[in-house]
Amino acid sequence: MAAEYLERAGCAEDQAGTELRAPDASAVLRFAGSPALREPAAAIMGAFSAVEHLKGVLGIAAAREFPNDLTLSDEG
């Protein structure tokens, strides 16, 4: 998912071959908290991964991991 965000932004892999790590399915489901929120969770995690990757590639800051303690809620 994160690679798709980077492609849409016109970005490509840098000369150093820095890898882009996209969130795995189990991390997405854990963040979603329920199957109903899986798609929005994947979009949020993909966007986060893309931004963190760009920060590292551009030398703005070190890329961070997505916080494991966050979850979405479908409760109103």
PDB file of N, CA and C in Angstrom:
ATOM      1  N   MET A   1       0.820  -1.187   0.000  1.00  0.00           N
ATOM      2  CA  MET A   1       0.000   0.000   0.000  1.00  0.00           C
ATOM      3  C   MET A   1       0.871   1.260   0.000  1.00  0.00           C
ATOM      4  N   ALA A   2       1.908   1.271   0.826  1.00  0.00           N
ATOM      5  CA  ALA A   2       2.759   2.458   0.904  1.00  0.00           C
ATOM      6  C   ALA A   2       3.452   2.717  -0.431  1.00  0.00           C
ATOM      7  N   ALA A   3       3.857   1.655  -1.119  1.00  0.00           N
ATOM      8  CA  ALA A   3       4.510   1.824  -2.414  1.00  0.00           C
ATOM      9  C   ALA A   3       3.574   2.515  -3.403  1.00  0.00           C
ATOM     10  N   GLU A   4       2.297   2.186  -3.318  1.00  0.00           N
ATOM     11  CA  GLU A   4       1.307   2.817  -4.191  1.00  0.00           C
ATOM     12  C   GLU A   4       1.225   4.326  -3.921  1.00  0.00           C
ATOM     13  N   TYR A   5       1.255   4.719  -2.643  1.00  0.00           N
ATOM     14  CA  TYR A   5       1.243   6.143  -2.301  1.00  0.00           C
ATOM     15  C   TYR A   5       2.471   6.843  -2.876  1.00  0.00           C
ATOM     16  N   LEU A   6       3.620   6.200  -2.768  1.00  0.00           N
ATOM     17  CA  LEU A   6       4.851   6.804  -3.292  1.00  0.00           C
ATOM     18  C   LEU A   6       4.790   6.927  -4.807  1.00  0.00           C
ATOM     19  N   GLU A   7       4.298   5.904  -5.474  1.00  0.00           N
ATOM     20  CA  GLU A   7       4.175   5.962  -6.930  1.00  0.00           C
ATOM     21  C   GLU A   7       3.246   7.086  -7.347  1.00  0.00           C
ATOM     22  N   ARG A   8       2.120   7.213  -6.664  1.00  0.00           N
ATOM     23  CA  ARG A   8       1.175   8.277  -6.985  1.00  0.00           C
ATOM     24  C   ARG A   8       1.777   9.656  -6.767  1.00  0.00           C
ATOM     25  N   ALA A   9       2.695   9.757  -5.810  1.00  0.00           N
ATOM     26  CA  ALA A   9       3.358  11.031  -5.535  1.00  0.00           C
ATOM     27  C   ALA A   9       4.521  11.270  -6.488  1.00  0.00           C
ATOM     28  N   GLY A  10       4.799  10.321  -7.387  1.00  0.00           N
ATOM     29  CA  GLY A  10       5.877  10.474  -8.345  1.00  0.00           C
ATOM     30  C   GLY A  10       7.242  10.133  -7.801  1.00  0.00           C
ATOM     31  N   CYS A  11       7.298   9.385  -6.725  1.00  0.00           N
ATOM     32  CA  CYS A  11       8.568   9.028  -6.100  1.00  0.00           C
ATOM     33  C   CYS A  11       9.034   7.666  -6.600  1.00  0.00           C
ATOM     34  N   ALA A  12      10.330   7.472  -6.530  1.00  0.00           N
ATOM     35  CA  ALA A  12      10.925   6.201  -6.912  1.00  0.00           C
ATOM     36  C   ALA A  12      11.962   5.809  -5.868  1.00  0.00           C
ATOM     37  N   GLU A  13      12.409   4.574  -5.911  1.00  0.00           N
ATOM     38  CA  GLU A  13      13.436   4.101  -4.994  1.00  0.00           C
ATOM     39  C   GLU A  13      14.704   4.925  -5.189  1.00  0.00           C
ATOM     40  N   ASP A  14      15.358   5.273  -4.093  1.00  0.00           N
ATOM     41  CA  ASP A  14      16.544   6.108  -4.203  1.00  0.00           C
ATOM     42  C   ASP A  14      17.754   5.310  -4.676  1.00  0.00           C
ATOM     43  N   GLN A  15      18.832   5.995  -4.987  1.00  0.00           N
ATOM     44  CA  GLN A  15      20.055   5.379  -5.518  1.00  0.00           C
ATOM     45  C   GLN A  15      20.663   4.373  -4.541  1.00  0.00           C
ATOM     46  N   ALA A  16      20.492   4.604  -3.251  1.00  0.00           N
ATOM     47  CA  ALA A  16      21.054   3.708  -2.244  1.00  0.00           C
ATOM     48  C   ALA A  16      20.258   2.414  -2.130  1.00  0.00           C
ATOM     49  N   GLY A  17      19.117   2.357  -2.777  1.00  0.00           N
ATOM     50  CA  GLY A  17      18.298   1.149  -2.732  1.00  0.00           C
ATOM     51  C   GLY A  17      17.525   0.997  -1.441  1.00  0.00           C
ATOM     52  N   THR A  18      17.194   2.109  -0.822  1.00  0.00           N
ATOM     53  CA  THR A  18      16.432   2.059   0.418  1.00  0.00           C
ATOM     54  C   THR A  18      15.120   1.331   0.170  1.00  0.00           C
ATOM     55  N   GLU A  19      14.811   0.399   1.048  1.00  0.00           N
ATOM     56  CA  GLU A  19      13.593  -0.386   0.881  1.00  0.00           C
ATOM     57  C   GLU A  19      12.408   0.288   1.550  1.00  0.00           C
ATOM     58  N   LEU A  20      11.276   0.131   0.952  1.00  0.00           N
ATOM     59  CA  LEU A  20      10.020   0.628   1.506  1.00  0.00           C
ATOM     60  C   LEU A  20       9.312  -0.546   2.168  1.00  0.00           C
ATOM     61  N   ARG A  21       9.034  -0.413   3.443  1.00  0.00           N
ATOM     62  CA  ARG A  21       8.355  -1.484   4.157  1.00  0.00           C
ATOM     63  C   ARG A  21       6.877  -1.136   4.293  1.00  0.00           C
ATOM     64  N   ALA A  22       6.033  -1.948   3.702  1.00  0.00           N
ATOM     65  CA  ALA A  22       4.590  -1.763   3.816  1.00  0.00           C
ATOM     66  C   ALA A  22       4.087  -2.603   4.989  1.00  0.00           C
ATOM     67  N   PRO A  23       3.049  -2.158   5.662  1.00  0.00           N
ATOM     68  CA  PRO A  23       2.531  -2.916   6.801  1.00  0.00           C
ATOM     69  C   PRO A  23       2.004  -4.280   6.382  1.00  0.00           C
ATOM     70  N   ASP A  24       2.247  -5.294   7.234  1.00  0.00           N
ATOM     71  CA  ASP A  24       1.745  -6.626   6.901  1.00  0.00           C
ATOM     72  C   ASP A  24       0.286  -6.773   7.340  1.00  0.00           C
ATOM     73  N   ALA A  25      -0.361  -7.788   6.839  1.00  0.00           N
ATOM     74  CA  ALA A  25      -1.800  -7.976   7.051  1.00  0.00           C
ATOM     75  C   ALA A  25      -2.156  -8.109   8.535  1.00  0.00           C
ATOM     76  N   SER A  26      -1.325  -8.793   9.308  1.00  0.00           N
ATOM     77  CA  SER A  26      -1.646  -8.959  10.730  1.00  0.00           C
ATOM     78  C   SER A  26      -1.564  -7.630  11.477  1.00  0.00           C
ATOM     79  N   ALA A  27      -0.611  -6.775  11.118  1.00  0.00           N
ATOM     80  CA  ALA A  27      -0.502  -5.453  11.750  1.00  0.00           C
ATOM     81  C   ALA A  27      -1.708  -4.593  11.382  1.00  0.00           C
ATOM     82  N   VAL A  28      -2.155  -4.681  10.137  1.00  0.00           N
ATOM     83  CA  VAL A  28      -3.328  -3.911   9.699  1.00  0.00           C
ATOM     84  C   VAL A  28      -4.561  -4.351  10.481  1.00  0.00           C
ATOM     85  N   LEU A  29      -4.770  -5.658  10.615  1.00  0.00           N
ATOM     86  CA  LEU A  29      -5.940  -6.153  11.340  1.00  0.00           C
ATOM     87  C   LEU A  29      -5.877  -5.773  12.816  1.00  0.00           C
ATOM     88  N   ARG A  30      -4.695  -5.823  13.412  1.00  0.00           N
ATOM     89  CA  ARG A  30      -4.531  -5.437  14.813  1.00  0.00           C
ATOM     90  C   ARG A  30      -4.895  -3.957  14.987  1.00  0.00           C
ATOM     91  N   PHE A  31      -4.416  -3.098  14.086  1.00  0.00           N
ATOM     92  CA  PHE A  31      -4.728  -1.676  14.155  1.00  0.00           C
ATOM     93  C   PHE A  31      -6.212  -1.435  13.910  1.00  0.00           C
ATOM     94  N   ALA A  32      -6.801  -2.159  12.958  1.00  0.00           N
ATOM     95  CA  ALA A  32      -8.213  -1.982  12.619  1.00  0.00           C
ATOM     96  C   ALA A  32      -9.114  -2.269  13.815  1.00  0.00           C
ATOM     97  N   GLY A  33      -8.785  -3.295  14.568  1.00  0.00           N
ATOM     98  CA  GLY A  33      -9.609  -3.653  15.717  1.00  0.00           C
ATOM     99  C   GLY A  33     -10.838  -4.462  15.357  1.00  0.00           C
ATOM    100  N   SER A  34     -11.262  -4.386  14.118  1.00  0.00           N
ATOM    101  CA  SER A  34     -12.384  -5.194  13.636  1.00  0.00           C
ATOM    102  C   SER A  34     -12.268  -5.316  12.118  1.00  0.00           C
ATOM    103  N   PRO A  35     -12.772  -6.418  11.560  1.00  0.00           N
ATOM    104  CA  PRO A  35     -12.701  -6.591  10.108  1.00  0.00           C
ATOM    105  C   PRO A  35     -13.372  -5.464   9.327  1.00  0.00           C
ATOM    106  N   ALA A  36     -14.386  -4.829   9.907  1.00  0.00           N
ATOM    107  CA  ALA A  36     -15.095  -3.751   9.218  1.00  0.00           C
ATOM    108  C   ALA A  36     -14.206  -2.542   8.957  1.00  0.00           C
ATOM    109  N   LEU A  37     -13.162  -2.378   9.751  1.00  0.00           N
ATOM    110  CA  LEU A  37     -12.274  -1.217   9.610  1.00  0.00           C
ATOM    111  C   LEU A  37     -10.943  -1.564   8.940  1.00  0.00           C
ATOM    112  N   ARG A  38     -10.871  -2.743   8.354  1.00  0.00           N
ATOM    113  CA  ARG A  38      -9.609  -3.192   7.756  1.00  0.00           C
ATOM    114  C   ARG A  38      -9.133  -2.272   6.625  1.00  0.00           C
ATOM    115  N   GLU A  39     -10.027  -1.886   5.736  1.00  0.00           N
ATOM    116  CA  GLU A  39      -9.638  -1.038   4.601  1.00  0.00           C
ATOM    117  C   GLU A  39      -9.158   0.345   5.044  1.00  0.00           C
ATOM    118  N   PRO A  40      -9.900   1.052   5.926  1.00  0.00           N
ATOM    119  CA  PRO A  40      -9.377   2.345   6.381  1.00  0.00           C
ATOM    120  C   PRO A  40      -8.077   2.206   7.157  1.00  0.00           C
ATOM    121  N   ALA A  41      -7.935   1.127   7.916  1.00  0.00           N
ATOM    122  CA  ALA A  41      -6.699   0.908   8.669  1.00  0.00           C
ATOM    123  C   ALA A  41      -5.519   0.721   7.715  1.00  0.00           C
ATOM    124  N   ALA A  42      -5.716  -0.036   6.651  1.00  0.00           N
ATOM    125  CA  ALA A  42      -4.658  -0.245   5.670  1.00  0.00           C
ATOM    126  C   ALA A  42      -4.264   1.068   5.003  1.00  0.00           C
ATOM    127  N   ALA A  43      -5.255   1.909   4.701  1.00  0.00           N
ATOM    128  CA  ALA A  43      -4.969   3.202   4.075  1.00  0.00           C
ATOM    129  C   ALA A  43      -4.176   4.108   5.012  1.00  0.00           C
ATOM    130  N   ILE A  44      -4.561   4.143   6.281  1.00  0.00           N
ATOM    131  CA  ILE A  44      -3.849   4.975   7.254  1.00  0.00           C
ATOM    132  C   ILE A  44      -2.423   4.483   7.444  1.00  0.00           C
ATOM    133  N   MET A  45      -2.269   3.171   7.604  1.00  0.00           N
ATOM    134  CA  MET A  45      -0.929   2.622   7.814  1.00  0.00           C
ATOM    135  C   MET A  45      -0.060   2.782   6.573  1.00  0.00           C
ATOM    136  N   GLY A  46      -0.656   2.650   5.401  1.00  0.00           N
ATOM    137  CA  GLY A  46       0.091   2.846   4.159  1.00  0.00           C
ATOM    138  C   GLY A  46       0.566   4.274   4.020  1.00  0.00           C
ATOM    139  N   ALA A  47      -0.307   5.223   4.340  1.00  0.00           N
ATOM    140  CA  ALA A  47       0.070   6.634   4.274  1.00  0.00           C
ATOM    141  C   ALA A  47       1.174   6.938   5.277  1.00  0.00           C
ATOM    142  N   PHE A  48       1.050   6.413   6.489  1.00  0.00           N
ATOM    143  CA  PHE A  48       2.081   6.609   7.508  1.00  0.00           C
ATOM    144  C   PHE A  48       3.420   6.057   7.025  1.00  0.00           C
ATOM    145  N   SER A  49       3.400   4.846   6.488  1.00  0.00           N
ATOM    146  CA  SER A  49       4.632   4.218   5.994  1.00  0.00           C
ATOM    147  C   SER A  49       5.268   5.033   4.879  1.00  0.00           C
ATOM    148  N   ALA A  50       4.438   5.552   3.981  1.00  0.00           N
ATOM    149  CA  ALA A  50       4.952   6.359   2.873  1.00  0.00           C
ATOM    150  C   ALA A  50       5.608   7.637   3.379  1.00  0.00           C
ATOM    151  N   VAL A  51       4.957   8.316   4.314  1.00  0.00           N
ATOM    152  CA  VAL A  51       5.512   9.555   4.867  1.00  0.00           C
ATOM    153  C   VAL A  51       6.823   9.274   5.593  1.00  0.00           C
ATOM    154  N   GLU A  52       6.845   8.226   6.410  1.00  0.00           N
ATOM    155  CA  GLU A  52       8.062   7.896   7.149  1.00  0.00           C
ATOM    156  C   GLU A  52       9.204   7.525   6.198  1.00  0.00           C
ATOM    157  N   HIS A  53       8.876   6.809   5.141  1.00  0.00           N
ATOM    158  CA  HIS A  53       9.895   6.451   4.155  1.00  0.00           C
ATOM    159  C   HIS A  53      10.448   7.702   3.471  1.00  0.00           C
ATOM    160  N   LEU A  54       9.562   8.590   3.095  1.00  0.00           N
ATOM    161  CA  LEU A  54      10.000   9.836   2.452  1.00  0.00           C
ATOM    162  C   LEU A  54      10.898  10.658   3.379  1.00  0.00           C
ATOM    163  N   LYS A  55      10.545  10.722   4.665  1.00  0.00           N
ATOM    164  CA  LYS A  55      11.384  11.446   5.616  1.00  0.00           C
ATOM    165  C   LYS A  55      12.799  10.889   5.621  1.00  0.00           C
ATOM    166  N   GLY A  56      12.909   9.564   5.639  1.00  0.00           N
ATOM    167  CA  GLY A  56      14.221   8.939   5.646  1.00  0.00           C
ATOM    168  C   GLY A  56      14.986   9.173   4.353  1.00  0.00           C
ATOM    169  N   VAL A  57      14.318   9.019   3.230  1.00  0.00           N
ATOM    170  CA  VAL A  57      14.959   9.201   1.924  1.00  0.00           C
ATOM    171  C   VAL A  57      15.421  10.643   1.730  1.00  0.00           C
ATOM    172  N   LEU A  58      14.608  11.590   2.173  1.00  0.00           N
ATOM    173  CA  LEU A  58      14.941  13.007   2.009  1.00  0.00           C
ATOM    174  C   LEU A  58      15.887  13.519   3.083  1.00  0.00           C
ATOM    175  N   GLY A  59      16.183  12.696   4.068  1.00  0.00           N
ATOM    176  CA  GLY A  59      17.097  13.098   5.121  1.00  0.00           C
ATOM    177  C   GLY A  59      16.495  14.068   6.117  1.00  0.00           C
ATOM    178  N   ILE A  60      15.190  14.108   6.200  1.00  0.00           N
ATOM    179  CA  ILE A  60      14.509  15.011   7.122  1.00  0.00           C
ATOM    180  C   ILE A  60      14.599  14.462   8.550  1.00  0.00           C
ATOM    181  N   ALA A  61      14.388  13.191   8.695  1.00  0.00           N
ATOM    182  CA  ALA A  61      14.433  12.531   9.998  1.00  0.00           C
ATOM    183  C   ALA A  61      14.458  11.026   9.761  1.00  0.00           C
ATOM    184  N   ALA A  62      14.793  10.305  10.792  1.00  0.00           N
ATOM    185  CA  ALA A  62      14.781   8.848  10.693  1.00  0.00           C
ATOM    186  C   ALA A  62      13.334   8.357  10.619  1.00  0.00           C
ATOM    187  N   ALA A  63      13.115   7.362   9.796  1.00  0.00           N
ATOM    188  CA  ALA A  63      11.781   6.777   9.671  1.00  0.00           C
ATOM    189  C   ALA A  63      11.423   6.063  10.970  1.00  0.00           C
ATOM    190  N   ARG A  64      10.176   6.224  11.383  1.00  0.00           N
ATOM    191  CA  ARG A  64       9.699   5.568  12.599  1.00  0.00           C
ATOM    192  C   ARG A  64       8.749   4.443  12.238  1.00  0.00           C
ATOM    193  N   GLU A  65       8.590   3.517  13.177  1.00  0.00           N
ATOM    194  CA  GLU A  65       7.638   2.415  13.022  1.00  0.00           C
ATOM    195  C   GLU A  65       6.253   2.894  13.439  1.00  0.00           C
ATOM    196  N   PHE A  66       5.232   2.290  12.877  1.00  0.00           N
ATOM    197  CA  PHE A  66       3.864   2.607  13.263  1.00  0.00           C
ATOM    198  C   PHE A  66       3.652   2.161  14.708  1.00  0.00           C
ATOM    199  N   PRO A  67       3.072   3.004  15.556  1.00  0.00           N
ATOM    200  CA  PRO A  67       2.868   2.638  16.964  1.00  0.00           C
ATOM    201  C   PRO A  67       1.975   1.409  17.115  1.00  0.00           C
ATOM    202  N   ASN A  68       2.436   0.421  17.852  1.00  0.00           N
ATOM    203  CA  ASN A  68       1.675  -0.820  18.034  1.00  0.00           C
ATOM    204  C   ASN A  68       0.483  -0.678  18.970  1.00  0.00           C
ATOM    205  N   ASP A  69       0.442   0.390  19.758  1.00  0.00           N
ATOM    206  CA  ASP A  69      -0.619   0.520  20.746  1.00  0.00           C
ATOM    207  C   ASP A  69      -1.849   1.255  20.234  1.00  0.00           C
ATOM    208  N   LEU A  70      -1.865   1.655  18.977  1.00  0.00           N
ATOM    209  CA  LEU A  70      -3.017   2.355  18.410  1.00  0.00           C
ATOM    210  C   LEU A  70      -4.010   1.375  17.808  1.00  0.00           C
ATOM    211  N   THR A  71      -5.294   1.672  17.980  1.00  0.00           N
ATOM    212  CA  THR A  71      -6.343   0.894  17.310  1.00  0.00           C
ATOM    213  C   THR A  71      -7.472   1.834  16.914  1.00  0.00           C
ATOM    214  N   LEU A  72      -8.146   1.478  15.843  1.00  0.00           N
ATOM    215  CA  LEU A  72      -9.337   2.199  15.424  1.00  0.00           C
ATOM    216  C   LEU A  72     -10.543   1.644  16.179  1.00  0.00           C
ATOM    217  N   SER A  73     -11.628   2.372  16.170  1.00  0.00           N
ATOM    218  CA  SER A  73     -12.848   1.913  16.813  1.00  0.00           C
ATOM    219  C   SER A  73     -14.026   2.229  15.911  1.00  0.00           C
ATOM    220  N   ASP A  74     -14.944   1.287  15.800  1.00  0.00           N
ATOM    221  CA  ASP A  74     -16.139   1.546  15.007  1.00  0.00           C
ATOM    222  C   ASP A  74     -17.316   1.907  15.913  1.00  0.00           C
ATOM    223  N   GLU A  75     -17.016   2.205  17.166  1.00  0.00           N
ATOM    224  CA  GLU A  75     -18.061   2.629  18.103  1.00  0.00           C
ATOM    225  C   GLU A  75     -18.297   4.117  17.936  1.00  0.00           C
ATOM    226  N   GLY A  76     -19.539   4.539  17.907  1.00  0.00           N
ATOM    227  CA  GLY A  76     -19.910   5.921  17.676  1.00  0.00           C
ATOM    228  C   GLY A  76     -19.581   6.790  18.815  1.00  0.00           C
TER     229      GLY A  76
END
